[in-house]
């Protein structure tokens, strides 16, 4: 999807000991997303999802008090939904209402993309699920490294919470 030599894609694959229906629900039900979204020690006090192709989402992530307790928002639009199999959506930094903001204007390094294309694949393996997340359009640098760390920490939280979602 990305042919620019300056850009790099992130691919993260995880297996879960839970059926695809439960992992899918954890990504698409706002009350469940709020229980795991964000890196270690971050919380998600607000999540809105208009779950349809062309629908918009807004996720809030709150830093721990030891890091200032600041809230940040990401938003995007669902481009393709194949139930229990695939999600394609855009993602960008936003204000609390889901309006795009320029990362540089809010003090984020310039290697943070203004728009990221996501593809998430849900692969049923019996009663287990393989999740493959691909993020397109990153510039190699610190922000890419932080994005990988943050997504992996979010997925660690998801693993810990899935048992509660049954």
N, C-alpha and C. Protein backbone atom coordinates (compact mmCIF):
# COMPACT_ATOMS: atom_id res chain seq x y z
N UNK A 1 0.83 -1.19 0.00
CA UNK A 1 0.00 0.00 0.00
C UNK A 1 0.87 1.25 0.00
N UNK A 2 2.13 1.12 0.44
CA UNK A 2 2.98 2.30 0.59
C UNK A 2 4.27 2.10 -0.18
N UNK A 3 4.50 2.92 -1.21
CA UNK A 3 5.67 2.76 -2.05
C UNK A 3 6.75 3.80 -1.79
N UNK A 4 6.52 4.76 -0.92
CA UNK A 4 7.49 5.82 -0.67
C UNK A 4 8.71 5.27 0.06
N UNK A 5 9.93 5.57 -0.44
CA UNK A 5 11.13 5.05 0.21
C UNK A 5 11.35 5.66 1.60
N UNK A 6 10.74 6.79 1.90
CA UNK A 6 10.90 7.43 3.21
C UNK A 6 9.93 6.87 4.24
N UNK A 7 9.02 6.06 3.81
CA UNK A 7 7.98 5.57 4.69
C UNK A 7 8.23 4.12 5.08
N UNK A 8 7.70 3.77 6.23
CA UNK A 8 7.84 2.41 6.74
C UNK A 8 6.50 1.97 7.30
N UNK A 9 6.15 0.73 7.12
CA UNK A 9 4.91 0.19 7.65
C UNK A 9 5.21 -0.55 8.95
N UNK A 10 4.24 -0.56 9.83
CA UNK A 10 4.31 -1.33 11.06
C UNK A 10 3.42 -2.55 10.88
N UNK A 11 3.93 -3.71 11.22
CA UNK A 11 3.13 -4.94 11.19
C UNK A 11 3.32 -5.62 12.55
N UNK A 12 2.21 -5.82 13.24
CA UNK A 12 2.22 -6.50 14.54
C UNK A 12 1.24 -7.65 14.47
N UNK A 13 1.69 -8.83 14.83
CA UNK A 13 0.84 -10.02 14.82
C UNK A 13 0.80 -10.59 16.23
N UNK A 14 -0.39 -10.92 16.68
CA UNK A 14 -0.60 -11.51 18.01
C UNK A 14 -1.59 -12.65 17.90
N UNK A 15 -1.42 -13.64 18.75
CA UNK A 15 -2.42 -14.71 18.86
C UNK A 15 -3.08 -14.63 20.22
N UNK A 16 -4.39 -14.86 20.22
CA UNK A 16 -5.18 -14.81 21.44
C UNK A 16 -5.85 -16.16 21.64
N UNK A 17 -5.96 -16.58 22.88
CA UNK A 17 -6.62 -17.85 23.22
C UNK A 17 -8.13 -17.67 23.35
N UNK A 18 -8.69 -16.86 22.48
CA UNK A 18 -10.11 -16.56 22.49
C UNK A 18 -10.64 -16.59 21.07
N UNK A 19 -11.93 -16.88 20.90
CA UNK A 19 -12.51 -16.93 19.55
C UNK A 19 -12.53 -15.55 18.89
N UNK A 20 -12.54 -15.55 17.58
CA UNK A 20 -12.50 -14.32 16.80
C UNK A 20 -13.66 -13.39 17.15
N UNK A 21 -14.83 -13.95 17.47
CA UNK A 21 -15.98 -13.11 17.81
C UNK A 21 -15.69 -12.21 19.01
N UNK A 22 -14.97 -12.73 19.99
CA UNK A 22 -14.66 -11.95 21.18
C UNK A 22 -13.60 -10.89 20.90
N UNK A 23 -12.59 -11.24 20.14
CA UNK A 23 -11.53 -10.27 19.79
C UNK A 23 -12.13 -9.17 18.91
N UNK A 24 -12.98 -9.54 17.98
CA UNK A 24 -13.68 -8.56 17.13
C UNK A 24 -14.48 -7.58 17.98
N UNK A 25 -15.25 -8.12 18.93
CA UNK A 25 -16.07 -7.29 19.80
C UNK A 25 -15.21 -6.33 20.61
N UNK A 26 -14.05 -6.77 21.05
CA UNK A 26 -13.14 -5.92 21.83
C UNK A 26 -12.66 -4.72 21.03
N UNK A 27 -12.61 -4.84 19.70
CA UNK A 27 -12.18 -3.74 18.82
C UNK A 27 -13.33 -2.87 18.35
N UNK A 28 -14.57 -3.35 18.48
CA UNK A 28 -15.69 -2.64 17.86
C UNK A 28 -16.75 -2.14 18.84
N UNK A 29 -16.70 -2.57 20.08
CA UNK A 29 -17.64 -2.14 21.10
C UNK A 29 -16.97 -1.06 21.95
N UNK A 30 -17.46 0.17 21.90
CA UNK A 30 -16.77 1.26 22.61
C UNK A 30 -16.60 1.02 24.11
N UNK A 31 -17.56 0.34 24.74
CA UNK A 31 -17.42 0.09 26.19
C UNK A 31 -16.26 -0.86 26.46
N UNK A 32 -15.96 -1.74 25.53
CA UNK A 32 -14.83 -2.66 25.69
C UNK A 32 -13.52 -1.99 25.30
N UNK A 33 -13.51 -1.19 24.24
CA UNK A 33 -12.30 -0.48 23.82
C UNK A 33 -11.77 0.36 24.98
N UNK A 34 -12.66 1.00 25.71
CA UNK A 34 -12.23 1.86 26.82
C UNK A 34 -11.52 1.09 27.93
N UNK A 35 -11.70 -0.21 27.98
CA UNK A 35 -11.08 -1.02 29.03
C UNK A 35 -9.63 -1.40 28.71
N UNK A 36 -9.21 -1.24 27.45
CA UNK A 36 -7.85 -1.68 27.11
C UNK A 36 -7.06 -0.70 26.25
N UNK A 37 -7.68 0.29 25.68
CA UNK A 37 -6.99 1.17 24.73
C UNK A 37 -5.94 2.03 25.44
N UNK A 38 -4.77 2.11 24.84
CA UNK A 38 -3.70 2.96 25.35
C UNK A 38 -2.58 2.15 25.97
N UNK A 39 -1.38 2.73 26.00
CA UNK A 39 -0.24 2.02 26.55
C UNK A 39 -0.37 1.81 28.07
N UNK A 40 0.55 1.09 28.64
CA UNK A 40 0.59 0.79 30.06
C UNK A 40 0.40 2.07 30.87
N UNK A 41 -0.46 1.99 31.88
CA UNK A 41 -0.76 3.08 32.82
C UNK A 41 -1.61 4.19 32.21
N UNK A 42 -1.97 4.12 30.95
CA UNK A 42 -2.90 5.07 30.34
C UNK A 42 -4.30 4.50 30.44
N UNK A 43 -5.28 5.37 30.45
CA UNK A 43 -6.68 4.94 30.46
C UNK A 43 -7.38 5.53 29.24
N UNK A 44 -8.57 5.01 28.99
CA UNK A 44 -9.39 5.52 27.89
C UNK A 44 -10.76 5.88 28.47
N UNK A 45 -10.93 7.13 28.91
CA UNK A 45 -12.19 7.51 29.55
C UNK A 45 -13.36 7.76 28.59
N UNK A 46 -13.06 7.80 27.29
CA UNK A 46 -14.13 8.09 26.33
C UNK A 46 -13.82 7.42 25.00
N UNK A 47 -14.84 6.84 24.40
CA UNK A 47 -14.69 6.20 23.09
C UNK A 47 -16.04 6.26 22.40
N UNK A 48 -16.03 6.81 21.20
CA UNK A 48 -17.25 6.86 20.39
C UNK A 48 -16.98 6.14 19.08
N UNK A 49 -17.88 5.26 18.70
CA UNK A 49 -17.72 4.51 17.46
C UNK A 49 -19.04 4.50 16.69
N UNK A 50 -18.99 5.03 15.47
CA UNK A 50 -20.11 4.91 14.53
C UNK A 50 -19.68 3.79 13.59
N UNK A 51 -20.02 2.55 13.97
CA UNK A 51 -19.45 1.38 13.34
C UNK A 51 -20.18 1.00 12.05
N UNK A 52 -19.75 1.66 10.98
CA UNK A 52 -20.24 1.37 9.63
C UNK A 52 -19.21 1.94 8.67
N UNK A 53 -19.19 1.44 7.45
CA UNK A 53 -18.29 2.00 6.45
C UNK A 53 -18.67 3.46 6.25
N UNK A 54 -17.69 4.34 6.36
CA UNK A 54 -17.92 5.77 6.31
C UNK A 54 -18.17 6.38 7.68
N UNK A 55 -18.35 5.53 8.70
CA UNK A 55 -18.57 6.01 10.06
C UNK A 55 -17.27 6.44 10.71
N UNK A 56 -17.39 7.28 11.70
CA UNK A 56 -16.23 7.87 12.36
C UNK A 56 -16.10 7.32 13.78
N UNK A 57 -14.88 7.30 14.27
CA UNK A 57 -14.63 6.97 15.67
C UNK A 57 -13.77 8.06 16.28
N UNK A 58 -13.86 8.20 17.61
CA UNK A 58 -13.00 9.09 18.38
C UNK A 58 -12.61 8.33 19.65
N UNK A 59 -11.31 8.14 19.85
CA UNK A 59 -10.79 7.48 21.05
C UNK A 59 -10.05 8.51 21.88
N UNK A 60 -10.29 8.50 23.18
CA UNK A 60 -9.56 9.36 24.11
C UNK A 60 -8.56 8.50 24.88
N UNK A 61 -7.38 9.04 25.08
CA UNK A 61 -6.34 8.38 25.85
C UNK A 61 -5.86 9.37 26.91
N UNK A 62 -5.89 8.96 28.18
CA UNK A 62 -5.46 9.84 29.27
C UNK A 62 -4.16 9.32 29.87
N UNK A 63 -3.18 10.21 29.94
CA UNK A 63 -1.89 9.88 30.54
C UNK A 63 -2.06 9.72 32.06
N UNK A 64 -1.21 8.92 32.68
CA UNK A 64 -1.29 8.82 34.14
C UNK A 64 -0.93 10.16 34.79
N UNK A 65 -1.40 10.35 36.01
CA UNK A 65 -1.12 11.61 36.73
C UNK A 65 0.38 11.89 36.80
N UNK A 66 1.19 10.83 36.91
CA UNK A 66 2.65 11.01 36.98
C UNK A 66 3.22 11.58 35.69
N UNK A 67 2.44 11.53 34.60
CA UNK A 67 2.84 12.10 33.32
C UNK A 67 1.95 13.28 32.93
N UNK A 68 1.32 13.89 33.92
CA UNK A 68 0.53 15.10 33.67
C UNK A 68 -0.96 14.90 33.48
N UNK A 69 -1.42 13.65 33.32
CA UNK A 69 -2.84 13.39 33.19
C UNK A 69 -3.50 13.96 31.94
N UNK A 70 -2.70 14.36 30.96
CA UNK A 70 -3.24 14.99 29.76
C UNK A 70 -4.05 14.00 28.92
N UNK A 71 -5.13 14.49 28.35
CA UNK A 71 -5.94 13.68 27.44
C UNK A 71 -5.54 14.00 26.00
N UNK A 72 -5.43 12.96 25.19
CA UNK A 72 -5.19 13.15 23.76
C UNK A 72 -6.22 12.30 23.03
N UNK A 73 -6.48 12.69 21.80
CA UNK A 73 -7.53 12.06 21.02
C UNK A 73 -7.01 11.60 19.67
N UNK A 74 -7.54 10.48 19.22
CA UNK A 74 -7.32 10.05 17.84
C UNK A 74 -8.70 9.76 17.26
N UNK A 75 -8.81 9.97 15.98
CA UNK A 75 -10.08 9.76 15.30
C UNK A 75 -9.78 9.18 13.92
N UNK A 76 -10.81 8.77 13.25
CA UNK A 76 -10.66 8.25 11.91
C UNK A 76 -11.98 7.81 11.34
N UNK A 77 -11.90 7.25 10.15
CA UNK A 77 -13.09 6.83 9.42
C UNK A 77 -12.91 5.38 8.99
N UNK A 78 -13.95 4.58 9.21
CA UNK A 78 -13.94 3.19 8.76
C UNK A 78 -14.13 3.16 7.24
N UNK A 79 -13.19 2.56 6.54
CA UNK A 79 -13.25 2.47 5.08
C UNK A 79 -13.84 1.15 4.62
N UNK A 80 -13.51 0.07 5.34
CA UNK A 80 -14.02 -1.25 4.94
C UNK A 80 -14.20 -2.09 6.20
N UNK A 81 -15.34 -2.74 6.28
CA UNK A 81 -15.65 -3.63 7.41
C UNK A 81 -16.10 -4.97 6.84
N UNK A 82 -15.35 -6.00 7.13
CA UNK A 82 -15.73 -7.36 6.78
C UNK A 82 -15.89 -8.08 8.12
N UNK A 83 -17.13 -8.24 8.60
CA UNK A 83 -17.35 -8.76 9.94
C UNK A 83 -16.55 -10.02 10.27
N UNK A 84 -15.92 -9.97 11.43
CA UNK A 84 -15.11 -11.06 11.99
C UNK A 84 -13.84 -11.35 11.19
N UNK A 85 -13.54 -10.52 10.17
CA UNK A 85 -12.38 -10.79 9.33
C UNK A 85 -11.44 -9.61 9.16
N UNK A 86 -11.97 -8.40 8.92
CA UNK A 86 -11.09 -7.31 8.52
C UNK A 86 -11.71 -5.94 8.81
N UNK A 87 -10.85 -5.05 9.30
CA UNK A 87 -11.19 -3.64 9.46
C UNK A 87 -10.16 -2.81 8.71
N UNK A 88 -10.61 -1.84 7.95
CA UNK A 88 -9.72 -0.87 7.32
C UNK A 88 -10.23 0.51 7.72
N UNK A 89 -9.31 1.33 8.24
CA UNK A 89 -9.71 2.66 8.67
C UNK A 89 -8.52 3.61 8.67
N UNK A 90 -8.84 4.88 8.69
CA UNK A 90 -7.82 5.90 8.82
C UNK A 90 -7.68 6.25 10.29
N UNK A 91 -6.56 6.88 10.64
CA UNK A 91 -6.35 7.34 12.00
C UNK A 91 -5.54 8.62 11.95
N UNK A 92 -5.95 9.59 12.77
CA UNK A 92 -5.22 10.86 12.85
C UNK A 92 -5.43 11.45 14.24
N UNK A 93 -4.51 12.32 14.64
CA UNK A 93 -4.69 13.03 15.89
C UNK A 93 -5.84 14.00 15.73
N UNK A 94 -6.61 14.17 16.79
CA UNK A 94 -7.78 15.02 16.68
C UNK A 94 -8.02 15.80 17.98
N UNK A 95 -8.96 16.72 17.90
CA UNK A 95 -9.45 17.36 19.11
C UNK A 95 -10.53 16.44 19.69
N UNK A 96 -11.13 16.84 20.78
CA UNK A 96 -12.10 15.97 21.45
C UNK A 96 -13.35 15.69 20.60
N UNK A 97 -13.59 16.53 19.59
CA UNK A 97 -14.74 16.34 18.71
C UNK A 97 -14.42 15.53 17.46
N UNK A 98 -13.17 15.08 17.33
CA UNK A 98 -12.78 14.27 16.19
C UNK A 98 -12.29 15.05 14.99
N UNK A 99 -12.07 16.36 15.14
CA UNK A 99 -11.52 17.17 14.05
C UNK A 99 -10.01 17.00 14.00
N UNK A 100 -9.50 16.74 12.82
CA UNK A 100 -8.05 16.51 12.65
C UNK A 100 -7.25 17.71 13.12
N UNK A 101 -6.11 17.42 13.76
CA UNK A 101 -5.17 18.47 14.16
C UNK A 101 -3.79 18.10 13.63
N UNK A 102 -2.98 19.09 13.38
CA UNK A 102 -1.63 18.90 12.89
C UNK A 102 -0.75 18.50 14.07
N UNK A 103 -0.14 17.31 14.02
CA UNK A 103 0.69 16.87 15.15
C UNK A 103 1.78 17.87 15.53
N UNK A 104 2.41 18.49 14.56
CA UNK A 104 3.51 19.44 14.82
C UNK A 104 2.99 20.65 15.60
N UNK A 105 1.79 21.11 15.29
CA UNK A 105 1.24 22.29 15.96
C UNK A 105 0.91 22.05 17.42
N UNK A 106 0.83 20.78 17.83
CA UNK A 106 0.60 20.48 19.25
C UNK A 106 1.85 19.91 19.91
N UNK A 107 3.00 20.13 19.27
CA UNK A 107 4.27 19.78 19.88
C UNK A 107 4.75 18.36 19.68
N UNK A 108 4.14 17.65 18.76
CA UNK A 108 4.56 16.27 18.47
C UNK A 108 5.61 16.33 17.36
N UNK A 109 6.67 15.52 17.48
CA UNK A 109 7.72 15.55 16.46
C UNK A 109 7.19 15.34 15.04
N UNK A 110 7.91 15.91 14.08
CA UNK A 110 7.46 15.93 12.70
C UNK A 110 7.44 14.55 12.04
N UNK A 111 8.03 13.53 12.68
CA UNK A 111 7.99 12.19 12.08
C UNK A 111 6.69 11.45 12.44
N UNK A 112 5.77 12.12 13.12
CA UNK A 112 4.46 11.52 13.39
C UNK A 112 3.55 11.84 12.21
N UNK A 113 3.01 10.82 11.54
CA UNK A 113 2.18 11.06 10.34
C UNK A 113 0.89 11.81 10.65
N UNK A 114 0.48 12.64 9.72
CA UNK A 114 -0.82 13.33 9.86
C UNK A 114 -1.97 12.35 9.68
N UNK A 115 -1.75 11.30 8.89
CA UNK A 115 -2.79 10.32 8.62
C UNK A 115 -2.15 8.95 8.51
N UNK A 116 -2.73 7.98 9.17
CA UNK A 116 -2.23 6.61 9.15
C UNK A 116 -3.36 5.72 8.63
N UNK A 117 -3.02 4.85 7.72
CA UNK A 117 -3.98 3.87 7.22
C UNK A 117 -3.77 2.57 7.99
N UNK A 118 -4.84 2.03 8.56
CA UNK A 118 -4.79 0.78 9.31
C UNK A 118 -5.52 -0.32 8.56
N UNK A 119 -4.98 -1.53 8.64
CA UNK A 119 -5.69 -2.74 8.25
C UNK A 119 -5.51 -3.71 9.41
N UNK A 120 -6.63 -4.19 9.93
CA UNK A 120 -6.58 -5.18 11.00
C UNK A 120 -7.29 -6.43 10.50
N UNK A 121 -6.54 -7.53 10.54
CA UNK A 121 -7.08 -8.81 10.09
C UNK A 121 -7.32 -9.70 11.30
N UNK A 122 -8.49 -10.32 11.34
CA UNK A 122 -8.90 -11.23 12.40
C UNK A 122 -8.95 -12.62 11.77
N UNK A 123 -8.03 -13.48 12.16
CA UNK A 123 -7.92 -14.80 11.53
C UNK A 123 -8.31 -15.86 12.56
N UNK A 124 -9.43 -16.54 12.29
CA UNK A 124 -9.91 -17.59 13.19
C UNK A 124 -9.05 -18.84 13.01
N UNK A 125 -8.55 -19.33 14.14
CA UNK A 125 -7.79 -20.58 14.17
C UNK A 125 -8.46 -21.45 15.22
N UNK A 126 -9.53 -22.12 14.81
CA UNK A 126 -10.33 -22.87 15.78
C UNK A 126 -10.93 -21.90 16.78
N UNK A 127 -10.68 -22.12 18.06
CA UNK A 127 -11.16 -21.23 19.12
C UNK A 127 -10.14 -20.16 19.47
N UNK A 128 -9.12 -20.02 18.67
CA UNK A 128 -8.09 -18.99 18.87
C UNK A 128 -8.22 -17.94 17.76
N UNK A 129 -7.55 -16.82 17.96
CA UNK A 129 -7.59 -15.75 16.97
C UNK A 129 -6.18 -15.22 16.74
N UNK A 130 -5.81 -15.12 15.49
CA UNK A 130 -4.59 -14.41 15.12
C UNK A 130 -5.03 -13.01 14.67
N UNK A 131 -4.41 -12.01 15.26
CA UNK A 131 -4.70 -10.62 14.92
C UNK A 131 -3.47 -10.06 14.23
N UNK A 132 -3.67 -9.50 13.04
CA UNK A 132 -2.57 -8.89 12.31
C UNK A 132 -2.92 -7.42 12.08
N UNK A 133 -2.11 -6.55 12.65
CA UNK A 133 -2.32 -5.10 12.53
C UNK A 133 -1.25 -4.54 11.62
N UNK A 134 -1.66 -3.84 10.58
CA UNK A 134 -0.71 -3.16 9.69
C UNK A 134 -1.05 -1.68 9.69
N UNK A 135 -0.04 -0.87 9.96
CA UNK A 135 -0.18 0.60 9.92
C UNK A 135 0.73 1.09 8.81
N UNK A 136 0.15 1.82 7.86
CA UNK A 136 0.89 2.29 6.70
C UNK A 136 1.25 3.77 6.83
N UNK A 137 2.45 4.12 6.38
CA UNK A 137 2.80 5.53 6.21
C UNK A 137 3.63 6.17 7.30
N UNK A 138 4.31 5.38 8.11
CA UNK A 138 5.17 5.96 9.14
C UNK A 138 6.52 6.37 8.56
N UNK A 139 7.12 7.40 9.13
CA UNK A 139 8.49 7.77 8.83
C UNK A 139 9.37 7.11 9.88
N UNK A 140 10.47 6.51 9.45
CA UNK A 140 11.38 5.87 10.41
C UNK A 140 11.86 6.91 11.41
N UNK A 141 11.84 6.57 12.69
CA UNK A 141 12.28 7.49 13.73
C UNK A 141 11.68 7.13 15.07
N UNK A 142 11.81 8.03 16.03
CA UNK A 142 11.34 7.79 17.39
C UNK A 142 9.84 7.57 17.48
N UNK A 143 9.06 8.33 16.72
CA UNK A 143 7.62 8.18 16.80
C UNK A 143 7.17 6.80 16.31
N UNK A 144 7.83 6.28 15.30
CA UNK A 144 7.52 4.92 14.83
C UNK A 144 7.82 3.93 15.95
N UNK A 145 8.96 4.06 16.60
CA UNK A 145 9.31 3.17 17.71
C UNK A 145 8.28 3.28 18.82
N UNK A 146 7.87 4.50 19.16
CA UNK A 146 6.87 4.70 20.20
C UNK A 146 5.52 4.10 19.81
N UNK A 147 5.17 4.19 18.54
CA UNK A 147 3.91 3.62 18.07
C UNK A 147 3.90 2.09 18.24
N UNK A 148 5.01 1.46 17.94
CA UNK A 148 5.12 0.00 18.10
C UNK A 148 5.01 -0.37 19.57
N UNK A 149 5.74 0.35 20.41
CA UNK A 149 5.68 0.08 21.85
C UNK A 149 4.26 0.29 22.37
N UNK A 150 3.65 1.40 21.99
CA UNK A 150 2.30 1.72 22.46
C UNK A 150 1.27 0.69 22.03
N UNK A 151 1.32 0.26 20.77
CA UNK A 151 0.36 -0.74 20.30
C UNK A 151 0.57 -2.07 21.02
N UNK A 152 1.82 -2.46 21.19
CA UNK A 152 2.08 -3.72 21.90
C UNK A 152 1.61 -3.65 23.35
N UNK A 153 1.79 -2.51 24.00
CA UNK A 153 1.31 -2.37 25.37
C UNK A 153 -0.21 -2.39 25.42
N UNK A 154 -0.87 -1.78 24.45
CA UNK A 154 -2.33 -1.84 24.37
C UNK A 154 -2.79 -3.28 24.20
N UNK A 155 -2.11 -4.02 23.33
CA UNK A 155 -2.49 -5.42 23.10
C UNK A 155 -2.23 -6.27 24.34
N UNK A 156 -1.19 -5.95 25.11
CA UNK A 156 -0.96 -6.64 26.38
C UNK A 156 -2.15 -6.42 27.31
N UNK A 157 -2.65 -5.19 27.36
CA UNK A 157 -3.82 -4.89 28.19
C UNK A 157 -5.05 -5.63 27.67
N UNK A 158 -5.18 -5.71 26.33
CA UNK A 158 -6.31 -6.44 25.75
C UNK A 158 -6.26 -7.90 26.18
N UNK A 159 -5.10 -8.53 26.11
CA UNK A 159 -4.96 -9.93 26.52
C UNK A 159 -5.44 -10.09 27.96
N UNK A 160 -5.04 -9.18 28.84
CA UNK A 160 -5.41 -9.28 30.25
C UNK A 160 -6.91 -9.07 30.47
N UNK A 161 -7.57 -8.33 29.60
CA UNK A 161 -8.99 -8.01 29.78
C UNK A 161 -9.94 -8.96 29.07
N UNK A 162 -9.47 -9.68 28.07
CA UNK A 162 -10.38 -10.51 27.27
C UNK A 162 -11.19 -11.49 28.11
N UNK A 163 -10.59 -12.02 29.13
CA UNK A 163 -11.32 -12.98 29.98
C UNK A 163 -12.56 -12.32 30.59
N UNK A 164 -12.48 -11.01 30.86
CA UNK A 164 -13.62 -10.29 31.44
C UNK A 164 -14.72 -10.00 30.41
N UNK A 165 -14.40 -10.10 29.12
CA UNK A 165 -15.34 -9.73 28.06
C UNK A 165 -16.25 -10.89 27.67
N UNK A 166 -16.00 -12.08 28.19
CA UNK A 166 -16.77 -13.26 27.80
C UNK A 166 -18.24 -13.13 28.13
